[in-house]
PDB file of all heavy atoms in Angstrom:
ATOM      1  N   MET A   1       0.849  -1.174  -0.002  1.00  0.00           N
ATOM      2  CA  MET A   1       0.035  -0.011  -0.046  1.00  0.00           C
ATOM      3  C   MET A   1       0.902   1.245  -0.002  1.00  0.00           C
ATOM      4  O   MET A   1       1.906   1.283   0.671  1.00  0.00           O
ATOM      5  CB  MET A   1      -0.917  -0.009   1.276  1.00  0.00           C
ATOM      6  CG  MET A   1      -1.692   1.257   1.311  1.00  0.00           C
ATOM      7  SD  MET A   1      -2.768   1.155   2.906  1.00  0.00           S
ATOM      8  CE  MET A   1      -3.577   2.778   2.800  1.00  0.00           C
ATOM      9  N   LYS A   2       0.526   2.243  -0.684  1.00  0.00           N
ATOM     10  CA  LYS A   2       1.257   3.559  -0.748  1.00  0.00           C
ATOM     11  C   LYS A   2       0.434   4.631  -0.140  1.00  0.00           C
ATOM     12  O   LYS A   2      -0.799   4.724  -0.271  1.00  0.00           O
ATOM     13  CB  LYS A   2       1.748   3.904  -2.163  1.00  0.00           C
ATOM     14  CG  LYS A   2       2.703   2.849  -2.763  1.00  0.00           C
ATOM     15  CD  LYS A   2       3.140   3.193  -4.077  1.00  0.00           C
ATOM     16  CE  LYS A   2       4.043   2.239  -4.721  1.00  0.00           C
ATOM     17  NZ  LYS A   2       4.595   2.559  -6.042  1.00  0.00           N
ATOM     18  N   THR A   3       1.135   5.598   0.408  1.00  0.00           N
ATOM     19  CA  THR A   3       0.406   6.664   0.943  1.00  0.00           C
ATOM     20  C   THR A   3       0.941   8.025   0.475  1.00  0.00           C
ATOM     21  O   THR A   3       2.245   8.222   0.678  1.00  0.00           O
ATOM     22  CB  THR A   3       0.618   6.635   2.559  1.00  0.00           C
ATOM     23  OG1 THR A   3       0.078   5.476   3.027  1.00  0.00           O
ATOM     24  CG2 THR A   3      -0.148   7.781   3.257  1.00  0.00           C
ATOM     25  N   ASP A   4       0.249   8.852  -0.247  1.00  0.00           N
ATOM     26  CA  ASP A   4       0.751  10.094  -0.818  1.00  0.00           C
ATOM     27  C   ASP A   4       1.990   9.893  -1.563  1.00  0.00           C
ATOM     28  O   ASP A   4       2.960  10.568  -1.486  1.00  0.00           O
ATOM     29  CB  ASP A   4       1.006  11.052   0.404  1.00  0.00           C
ATOM     30  CG  ASP A   4       1.164  12.541  -0.051  1.00  0.00           C
ATOM     31  OD1 ASP A   4       0.693  12.787  -1.180  1.00  0.00           O
ATOM     32  OD2 ASP A   4       1.643  13.352   0.689  1.00  0.00           O
ATOM     33  N   ARG A   5       1.929   8.826  -2.448  1.00  0.00           N
ATOM     34  CA  ARG A   5       2.966   8.415  -3.364  1.00  0.00           C
ATOM     35  C   ARG A   5       4.281   8.028  -2.689  1.00  0.00           C
ATOM     36  O   ARG A   5       5.311   7.880  -3.339  1.00  0.00           O
ATOM     37  CB  ARG A   5       3.295   9.656  -4.411  1.00  0.00           C
ATOM     38  CG  ARG A   5       2.112  10.017  -5.133  1.00  0.00           C
ATOM     39  CD  ARG A   5       2.443  11.050  -6.174  1.00  0.00           C
ATOM     40  NE  ARG A   5       3.138  12.284  -5.564  1.00  0.00           N
ATOM     41  CZ  ARG A   5       2.359  13.249  -5.113  1.00  0.00           C
ATOM     42  NH1 ARG A   5       1.122  13.291  -5.129  1.00  0.00           N
ATOM     43  NH2 ARG A   5       3.066  14.303  -4.558  1.00  0.00           N
ATOM     44  N   THR A   6       4.189   7.823  -1.468  1.00  0.00           N
ATOM     45  CA  THR A   6       5.398   7.312  -0.772  1.00  0.00           C
ATOM     46  C   THR A   6       5.272   5.899  -0.417  1.00  0.00           C
ATOM     47  O   THR A   6       4.268   5.452   0.167  1.00  0.00           O
ATOM     48  CB  THR A   6       5.567   8.103   0.619  1.00  0.00           C
ATOM     49  OG1 THR A   6       5.673   9.503   0.357  1.00  0.00           O
ATOM     50  CG2 THR A   6       6.846   7.631   1.321  1.00  0.00           C
ATOM     51  N   PRO A   7       6.234   4.998  -0.848  1.00  0.00           N
ATOM     52  CA  PRO A   7       6.099   3.541  -0.594  1.00  0.00           C
ATOM     53  C   PRO A   7       5.882   3.312   0.926  1.00  0.00           C
ATOM     54  O   PRO A   7       6.683   3.847   1.683  1.00  0.00           O
ATOM     55  CB  PRO A   7       7.398   3.013  -1.150  1.00  0.00           C
ATOM     56  CG  PRO A   7       7.928   4.115  -2.071  1.00  0.00           C
ATOM     57  CD  PRO A   7       7.539   5.386  -1.568  1.00  0.00           C
ATOM     58  N   GLY A   8       4.977   2.468   1.184  1.00  0.00           N
ATOM     59  CA  GLY A   8       4.727   2.074   2.601  1.00  0.00           C
ATOM     60  C   GLY A   8       5.914   1.401   3.219  1.00  0.00           C
ATOM     61  O   GLY A   8       6.232   1.556   4.403  1.00  0.00           O
ATOM     62  N   LEU A   9       6.619   0.584   2.419  1.00  0.00           N
ATOM     63  CA  LEU A   9       7.810  -0.102   2.937  1.00  0.00           C
ATOM     64  C   LEU A   9       8.868   0.851   3.402  1.00  0.00           C
ATOM     65  O   LEU A   9       9.470   0.700   4.509  1.00  0.00           O
ATOM     66  CB  LEU A   9       8.414  -1.045   1.863  1.00  0.00           C
ATOM     67  CG  LEU A   9       9.672  -1.779   2.225  1.00  0.00           C
ATOM     68  CD1 LEU A   9       9.407  -2.691   3.439  1.00  0.00           C
ATOM     69  CD2 LEU A   9      10.179  -2.622   1.043  1.00  0.00           C
ATOM     70  N   LEU A  10       9.081   1.980   2.594  1.00  0.00           N
ATOM     71  CA  LEU A  10      10.126   2.941   3.022  1.00  0.00           C
ATOM     72  C   LEU A  10       9.725   3.560   4.360  1.00  0.00           C
ATOM     73  O   LEU A  10      10.635   3.933   5.211  1.00  0.00           O
ATOM     74  CB  LEU A  10      10.272   3.959   1.916  1.00  0.00           C
ATOM     75  CG  LEU A  10      11.375   5.095   2.202  1.00  0.00           C
ATOM     76  CD1 LEU A  10      12.706   4.470   2.336  1.00  0.00           C
ATOM     77  CD2 LEU A  10      11.315   6.130   1.051  1.00  0.00           C
ATOM     78  N   ILE A  11       8.402   3.929   4.538  1.00  0.00           N
ATOM     79  CA  ILE A  11       8.062   4.528   5.778  1.00  0.00           C
ATOM     80  C   ILE A  11       8.325   3.591   6.915  1.00  0.00           C
ATOM     81  O   ILE A  11       8.838   4.014   7.938  1.00  0.00           O
ATOM     82  CB  ILE A  11       6.496   4.767   5.732  1.00  0.00           C
ATOM     83  CG1 ILE A  11       6.245   5.979   4.726  1.00  0.00           C
ATOM     84  CG2 ILE A  11       5.987   5.252   7.106  1.00  0.00           C
ATOM     85  CD1 ILE A  11       4.761   6.263   4.515  1.00  0.00           C
ATOM     86  N   SER A  12       7.982   2.311   6.755  1.00  0.00           N
ATOM     87  CA  SER A  12       8.188   1.260   7.862  1.00  0.00           C
ATOM     88  C   SER A  12       9.682   1.181   8.205  1.00  0.00           C
ATOM     89  O   SER A  12      10.066   1.193   9.378  1.00  0.00           O
ATOM     90  CB  SER A  12       7.743  -0.114   7.394  1.00  0.00           C
ATOM     91  OG  SER A  12       6.299  -0.034   7.229  1.00  0.00           O
ATOM     92  N   VAL A  13      10.561   1.106   7.151  1.00  0.00           N
ATOM     93  CA  VAL A  13      12.079   0.999   7.412  1.00  0.00           C
ATOM     94  C   VAL A  13      12.552   2.202   8.173  1.00  0.00           C
ATOM     95  O   VAL A  13      13.316   2.085   9.081  1.00  0.00           O
ATOM     96  CB  VAL A  13      12.755   0.755   6.031  1.00  0.00           C
ATOM     97  CG1 VAL A  13      14.235   0.865   6.290  1.00  0.00           C
ATOM     98  CG2 VAL A  13      12.313  -0.535   5.512  1.00  0.00           C
ATOM     99  N   VAL A  14      12.191   3.419   7.625  1.00  0.00           N
ATOM    100  CA  VAL A  14      12.784   4.624   8.188  1.00  0.00           C
ATOM    101  C   VAL A  14      12.338   4.802   9.635  1.00  0.00           C
ATOM    102  O   VAL A  14      13.140   5.064  10.607  1.00  0.00           O
ATOM    103  CB  VAL A  14      12.418   5.836   7.272  1.00  0.00           C
ATOM    104  CG1 VAL A  14      12.842   7.162   8.074  1.00  0.00           C
ATOM    105  CG2 VAL A  14      13.090   5.786   5.984  1.00  0.00           C
ATOM    106  N   TYR A  15      10.986   4.642   9.899  1.00  0.00           N
ATOM    107  CA  TYR A  15      10.479   4.832  11.248  1.00  0.00           C
ATOM    108  C   TYR A  15      10.973   3.746  12.210  1.00  0.00           C
ATOM    109  O   TYR A  15      11.346   4.112  13.337  1.00  0.00           O
ATOM    110  CB  TYR A  15       8.980   4.837  11.248  1.00  0.00           C
ATOM    111  CG  TYR A  15       8.317   6.228  10.998  1.00  0.00           C
ATOM    112  CD1 TYR A  15       8.234   6.625   9.668  1.00  0.00           C
ATOM    113  CD2 TYR A  15       7.942   7.076  11.993  1.00  0.00           C
ATOM    114  CE1 TYR A  15       7.677   7.970   9.403  1.00  0.00           C
ATOM    115  CE2 TYR A  15       7.495   8.274  11.825  1.00  0.00           C
ATOM    116  CZ  TYR A  15       7.316   8.771  10.475  1.00  0.00           C
ATOM    117  OH  TYR A  15       6.846   9.945  10.217  1.00  0.00           O
ATOM    118  N   THR A  16      10.979   2.529  11.793  1.00  0.00           N
ATOM    119  CA  THR A  16      11.575   1.453  12.588  1.00  0.00           C
ATOM    120  C   THR A  16      13.008   1.692  12.929  1.00  0.00           C
ATOM    121  O   THR A  16      13.512   1.560  14.025  1.00  0.00           O
ATOM    122  CB  THR A  16      11.424   0.150  11.933  1.00  0.00           C
ATOM    123  OG1 THR A  16       9.988  -0.106  11.710  1.00  0.00           O
ATOM    124  CG2 THR A  16      11.911  -1.023  12.809  1.00  0.00           C
ATOM    125  N   SER A  17      13.769   2.154  11.873  1.00  0.00           N
ATOM    126  CA  SER A  17      15.207   2.488  12.090  1.00  0.00           C
ATOM    127  C   SER A  17      15.440   3.522  13.168  1.00  0.00           C
ATOM    128  O   SER A  17      16.306   3.452  13.988  1.00  0.00           O
ATOM    129  CB  SER A  17      15.996   2.761  10.798  1.00  0.00           C
ATOM    130  OG  SER A  17      15.784   1.705   9.820  1.00  0.00           O
ATOM    131  N   ALA A  18      14.684   4.607  13.028  1.00  0.00           N
ATOM    132  CA  ALA A  18      14.801   5.702  13.983  1.00  0.00           C
ATOM    133  C   ALA A  18      14.545   5.290  15.406  1.00  0.00           C
ATOM    134  O   ALA A  18      15.385   5.608  16.332  1.00  0.00           O
ATOM    135  CB  ALA A  18      13.879   6.792  13.594  1.00  0.00           C
ATOM    136  N   ILE A  19      13.435   4.506  15.577  1.00  0.00           N
ATOM    137  CA  ILE A  19      13.094   4.068  16.907  1.00  0.00           C
ATOM    138  C   ILE A  19      14.150   3.085  17.440  1.00  0.00           C
ATOM    139  O   ILE A  19      14.540   3.137  18.642  1.00  0.00           O
ATOM    140  CB  ILE A  19      11.681   3.567  16.904  1.00  0.00           C
ATOM    141  CG1 ILE A  19      10.739   4.716  16.724  1.00  0.00           C
ATOM    142  CG2 ILE A  19      11.435   2.824  18.249  1.00  0.00           C
ATOM    143  CD1 ILE A  19       9.285   4.292  16.664  1.00  0.00           C
ATOM    144  N   PHE A  20      14.562   2.147  16.579  1.00  0.00           N
ATOM    145  CA  PHE A  20      15.561   1.115  16.951  1.00  0.00           C
ATOM    146  C   PHE A  20      16.918   1.822  17.371  1.00  0.00           C
ATOM    147  O   PHE A  20      17.459   1.496  18.382  1.00  0.00           O
ATOM    148  CB  PHE A  20      15.746   0.199  15.751  1.00  0.00           C
ATOM    149  CG  PHE A  20      16.829  -0.837  16.048  1.00  0.00           C
ATOM    150  CD1 PHE A  20      16.479  -2.059  16.622  1.00  0.00           C
ATOM    151  CD2 PHE A  20      18.191  -0.640  15.613  1.00  0.00           C
ATOM    152  CE1 PHE A  20      17.355  -3.029  16.889  1.00  0.00           C
ATOM    153  CE2 PHE A  20      19.036  -1.643  15.830  1.00  0.00           C
ATOM    154  CZ  PHE A  20      18.697  -2.828  16.499  1.00  0.00           C
ATOM    155  N   LEU A  21      17.377   2.796  16.511  1.00  0.00           N
ATOM    156  CA  LEU A  21      18.634   3.438  16.801  1.00  0.00           C
ATOM    157  C   LEU A  21      18.542   4.266  18.001  1.00  0.00           C
ATOM    158  O   LEU A  21      19.499   4.321  18.800  1.00  0.00           O
ATOM    159  CB  LEU A  21      18.989   4.285  15.558  1.00  0.00           C
ATOM    160  CG  LEU A  21      20.431   4.950  15.586  1.00  0.00           C
ATOM    161  CD1 LEU A  21      21.484   3.921  15.815  1.00  0.00           C
ATOM    162  CD2 LEU A  21      20.654   5.676  14.288  1.00  0.00           C
ATOM    163  N   SER A  22      17.453   4.906  18.227  1.00  0.00           N
ATOM    164  CA  SER A  22      17.401   5.728  19.530  1.00  0.00           C
ATOM    165  C   SER A  22      17.519   4.880  20.707  1.00  0.00           C
ATOM    166  O   SER A  22      18.156   5.181  21.694  1.00  0.00           O
ATOM    167  CB  SER A  22      16.005   6.537  19.499  1.00  0.00           C
ATOM    168  OG  SER A  22      14.957   5.674  19.702  1.00  0.00           O
ATOM    169  N   ALA A  23      16.860   3.624  20.695  1.00  0.00           N
ATOM    170  CA  ALA A  23      16.968   2.752  21.812  1.00  0.00           C
ATOM    171  C   ALA A  23      18.411   2.207  21.997  1.00  0.00           C
ATOM    172  O   ALA A  23      18.864   2.068  23.109  1.00  0.00           O
ATOM    173  CB  ALA A  23      15.971   1.607  21.610  1.00  0.00           C
ATOM    174  N   VAL A  24      19.097   1.840  20.890  1.00  0.00           N
ATOM    175  CA  VAL A  24      20.403   1.462  20.975  1.00  0.00           C
ATOM    176  C   VAL A  24      21.329   2.452  21.609  1.00  0.00           C
ATOM    177  O   VAL A  24      22.078   2.208  22.578  1.00  0.00           O
ATOM    178  CB  VAL A  24      20.912   1.136  19.574  1.00  0.00           C
ATOM    179  CG1 VAL A  24      22.475   0.941  19.647  1.00  0.00           C
ATOM    180  CG2 VAL A  24      20.262  -0.163  18.987  1.00  0.00           C
ATOM    181  N   LEU A  25      21.116   3.707  21.288  1.00  0.00           N
ATOM    182  CA  LEU A  25      21.936   4.799  21.857  1.00  0.00           C
ATOM    183  C   LEU A  25      21.613   4.967  23.351  1.00  0.00           C
ATOM    184  O   LEU A  25      22.462   5.182  24.184  1.00  0.00           O
ATOM    185  CB  LEU A  25      21.732   6.125  21.042  1.00  0.00           C
ATOM    186  CG  LEU A  25      22.269   6.093  19.710  1.00  0.00           C
ATOM    187  CD1 LEU A  25      21.784   7.343  18.894  1.00  0.00           C
ATOM    188  CD2 LEU A  25      23.834   6.114  19.713  1.00  0.00           C
ATOM    189  N   ILE A  26      20.331   4.995  23.650  1.00  0.00           N
ATOM    190  CA  ILE A  26      19.984   5.185  25.101  1.00  0.00           C
ATOM    191  C   ILE A  26      20.406   4.053  25.974  1.00  0.00           C
ATOM    192  O   ILE A  26      21.146   4.318  26.993  1.00  0.00           O
ATOM    193  CB  ILE A  26      18.437   5.115  25.195  1.00  0.00           C
ATOM    194  CG1 ILE A  26      17.799   6.424  24.610  1.00  0.00           C
ATOM    195  CG2 ILE A  26      17.971   5.013  26.665  1.00  0.00           C
ATOM    196  CD1 ILE A  26      16.312   6.421  24.573  1.00  0.00           C
ATOM    197  N   PHE A  27      20.339   2.773  25.486  1.00  0.00           N
ATOM    198  CA  PHE A  27      20.810   1.694  26.387  1.00  0.00           C
ATOM    199  C   PHE A  27      22.225   1.315  26.244  1.00  0.00           C
ATOM    200  O   PHE A  27      22.740   0.572  27.112  1.00  0.00           O
ATOM    201  CB  PHE A  27      19.911   0.404  26.070  1.00  0.00           C
ATOM    202  CG  PHE A  27      18.542   0.643  26.616  1.00  0.00           C
ATOM    203  CD1 PHE A  27      17.442   1.051  25.761  1.00  0.00           C
ATOM    204  CD2 PHE A  27      18.183   0.453  27.947  1.00  0.00           C
ATOM    205  CE1 PHE A  27      16.129   1.240  26.299  1.00  0.00           C
ATOM    206  CE2 PHE A  27      16.863   0.619  28.439  1.00  0.00           C
ATOM    207  CZ  PHE A  27      15.955   1.047  27.610  1.00  0.00           C
ATOM    208  N   TRP A  28      22.891   1.943  25.276  1.00  0.00           N
ATOM    209  CA  TRP A  28      24.371   1.908  25.321  1.00  0.00           C
ATOM    210  C   TRP A  28      24.891   2.868  26.326  1.00  0.00           C
ATOM    211  O   TRP A  28      25.821   2.557  27.046  1.00  0.00           O
ATOM    212  CB  TRP A  28      24.895   2.295  23.918  1.00  0.00           C
ATOM    213  CG  TRP A  28      26.386   2.417  23.756  1.00  0.00           C
ATOM    214  CD1 TRP A  28      27.314   2.141  24.684  1.00  0.00           C
ATOM    215  CD2 TRP A  28      27.005   2.687  22.511  1.00  0.00           C
ATOM    216  NE1 TRP A  28      28.543   2.326  24.046  1.00  0.00           N
ATOM    217  CE2 TRP A  28      28.488   2.708  22.780  1.00  0.00           C
ATOM    218  CE3 TRP A  28      26.556   3.005  21.250  1.00  0.00           C
ATOM    219  CZ2 TRP A  28      29.383   2.900  21.869  1.00  0.00           C
ATOM    220  CZ3 TRP A  28      27.618   3.281  20.306  1.00  0.00           C
ATOM    221  CH2 TRP A  28      28.907   3.226  20.654  1.00  0.00           C
ATOM    222  N   LEU A  29      24.307   4.090  26.448  1.00  0.00           N
ATOM    223  CA  LEU A  29      24.705   5.127  27.310  1.00  0.00           C
ATOM    224  C   LEU A  29      24.385   4.727  28.762  1.00  0.00           C
ATOM    225  O   LEU A  29      25.158   5.061  29.725  1.00  0.00           O
ATOM    226  CB  LEU A  29      24.159   6.390  27.024  1.00  0.00           C
ATOM    227  CG  LEU A  29      24.822   7.633  27.707  1.00  0.00           C
ATOM    228  CD1 LEU A  29      26.197   7.841  27.284  1.00  0.00           C
ATOM    229  CD2 LEU A  29      23.924   8.933  27.385  1.00  0.00           C
ATOM    230  N   GLU A  30      23.381   4.028  28.997  1.00  0.00           N
ATOM    231  CA  GLU A  30      22.896   3.703  30.364  1.00  0.00           C
ATOM    232  C   GLU A  30      23.901   2.966  31.262  1.00  0.00           C
ATOM    233  O   GLU A  30      24.152   3.462  32.392  1.00  0.00           O
ATOM    234  CB  GLU A  30      21.544   2.858  30.311  1.00  0.00           C
ATOM    235  CG  GLU A  30      20.308   3.700  29.989  1.00  0.00           C
ATOM    236  CD  GLU A  30      19.080   3.048  30.557  1.00  0.00           C
ATOM    237  OE1 GLU A  30      19.122   2.125  31.245  1.00  0.00           O
ATOM    238  OE2 GLU A  30      17.928   3.583  30.099  1.00  0.00           O
ATOM    239  N   PRO A  31      24.587   1.956  30.680  1.00  0.00           N
ATOM    240  CA  PRO A  31      25.660   1.395  31.660  1.00  0.00           C
ATOM    241  C   PRO A  31      26.989   2.204  31.533  1.00  0.00           C
ATOM    242  O   PRO A  31      27.820   2.152  32.384  1.00  0.00           O
ATOM    243  CB  PRO A  31      25.851   0.010  31.102  1.00  0.00           C
ATOM    244  CG  PRO A  31      25.360   0.049  29.674  1.00  0.00           C
ATOM    245  CD  PRO A  31      24.347   1.092  29.681  1.00  0.00           C
ATOM    246  N   MET A  32      27.179   2.969  30.467  1.00  0.00           N
ATOM    247  CA  MET A  32      28.473   3.618  30.132  1.00  0.00           C
ATOM    248  C   MET A  32      28.729   4.714  31.232  1.00  0.00           C
ATOM    249  O   MET A  32      29.825   4.789  31.797  1.00  0.00           O
ATOM    250  CB  MET A  32      28.541   4.118  28.837  1.00  0.00           C
ATOM    251  CG  MET A  32      29.884   4.772  28.395  1.00  0.00           C
ATOM    252  SD  MET A  32      29.942   5.182  26.643  1.00  0.00           S
ATOM    253  CE  MET A  32      28.874   6.529  26.481  1.00  0.00           C
ATOM    254  N   LEU A  33      27.726   5.608  31.416  1.00  0.00           N
ATOM    255  CA  LEU A  33      27.965   6.751  32.332  1.00  0.00           C
ATOM    256  C   LEU A  33      27.998   6.303  33.716  1.00  0.00           C
ATOM    257  O   LEU A  33      29.035   6.743  34.493  1.00  0.00           O
ATOM    258  CB  LEU A  33      26.843   7.725  32.173  1.00  0.00           C
ATOM    259  CG  LEU A  33      26.941   8.822  31.137  1.00  0.00           C
ATOM    260  CD1 LEU A  33      25.813   9.798  31.135  1.00  0.00           C
ATOM    261  CD2 LEU A  33      28.276   9.548  31.314  1.00  0.00           C
ATOM    262  N   PRO A  34      27.204   5.362  34.243  1.00  0.00           N
ATOM    263  CA  PRO A  34      27.398   4.910  35.709  1.00  0.00           C
ATOM    264  C   PRO A  34      28.691   4.207  35.884  1.00  0.00           C
ATOM    265  O   PRO A  34      29.307   4.253  36.957  1.00  0.00           O
ATOM    266  CB  PRO A  34      26.230   3.984  35.888  1.00  0.00           C
ATOM    267  CG  PRO A  34      25.182   4.471  34.967  1.00  0.00           C
ATOM    268  CD  PRO A  34      25.950   4.881  33.818  1.00  0.00           C
ATOM    269  N   LYS A  35      29.187   3.517  34.880  1.00  0.00           N
ATOM    270  CA  LYS A  35      30.516   2.836  34.968  1.00  0.00           C
ATOM    271  C   LYS A  35      31.588   3.866  35.304  1.00  0.00           C
ATOM    272  O   LYS A  35      32.552   3.664  35.997  1.00  0.00           O
ATOM    273  CB  LYS A  35      30.827   2.036  33.771  1.00  0.00           C
ATOM    274  CG  LYS A  35      32.195   1.396  33.781  1.00  0.00           C
ATOM    275  CD  LYS A  35      32.424   0.665  32.506  1.00  0.00           C
ATOM    276  CE  LYS A  35      33.851   0.068  32.392  1.00  0.00           C
ATOM    277  NZ  LYS A  35      34.161  -0.903  33.412  1.00  0.00           N
ATOM    278  N   ALA A  36      31.469   5.123  34.587  1.00  0.00           N
ATOM    279  CA  ALA A  36      32.394   6.107  34.708  1.00  0.00           C
ATOM    280  C   ALA A  36      32.268   6.797  36.151  1.00  0.00           C
ATOM    281  O   ALA A  36      33.206   7.279  36.664  1.00  0.00           O
ATOM    282  CB  ALA A  36      32.333   7.190  33.664  1.00  0.00           C
ATOM    283  N   ILE A  37      31.057   6.811  36.653  1.00  0.00           N
ATOM    284  CA  ILE A  37      30.835   7.422  37.966  1.00  0.00           C
ATOM    285  C   ILE A  37      31.209   6.449  39.203  1.00  0.00           C
ATOM    286  O   ILE A  37      31.677   7.039  40.188  1.00  0.00           O
ATOM    287  CB  ILE A  37      29.284   7.793  38.006  1.00  0.00           C
ATOM    288  CG1 ILE A  37      28.867   8.849  37.111  1.00  0.00           C
ATOM    289  CG2 ILE A  37      28.910   8.182  39.533  1.00  0.00           C
ATOM    290  CD1 ILE A  37      27.422   9.092  37.133  1.00  0.00           C
TER     291      ILE A  37
END
């Protein structure tokens, strides 16, 4: 299915990547900073 001429697959990939990457960065930093403290 396409929305406003934008492929639905591209929307899924970009949004999933953004959310996935934000979580990776958050939970990478979570043990890193306390280890330094």
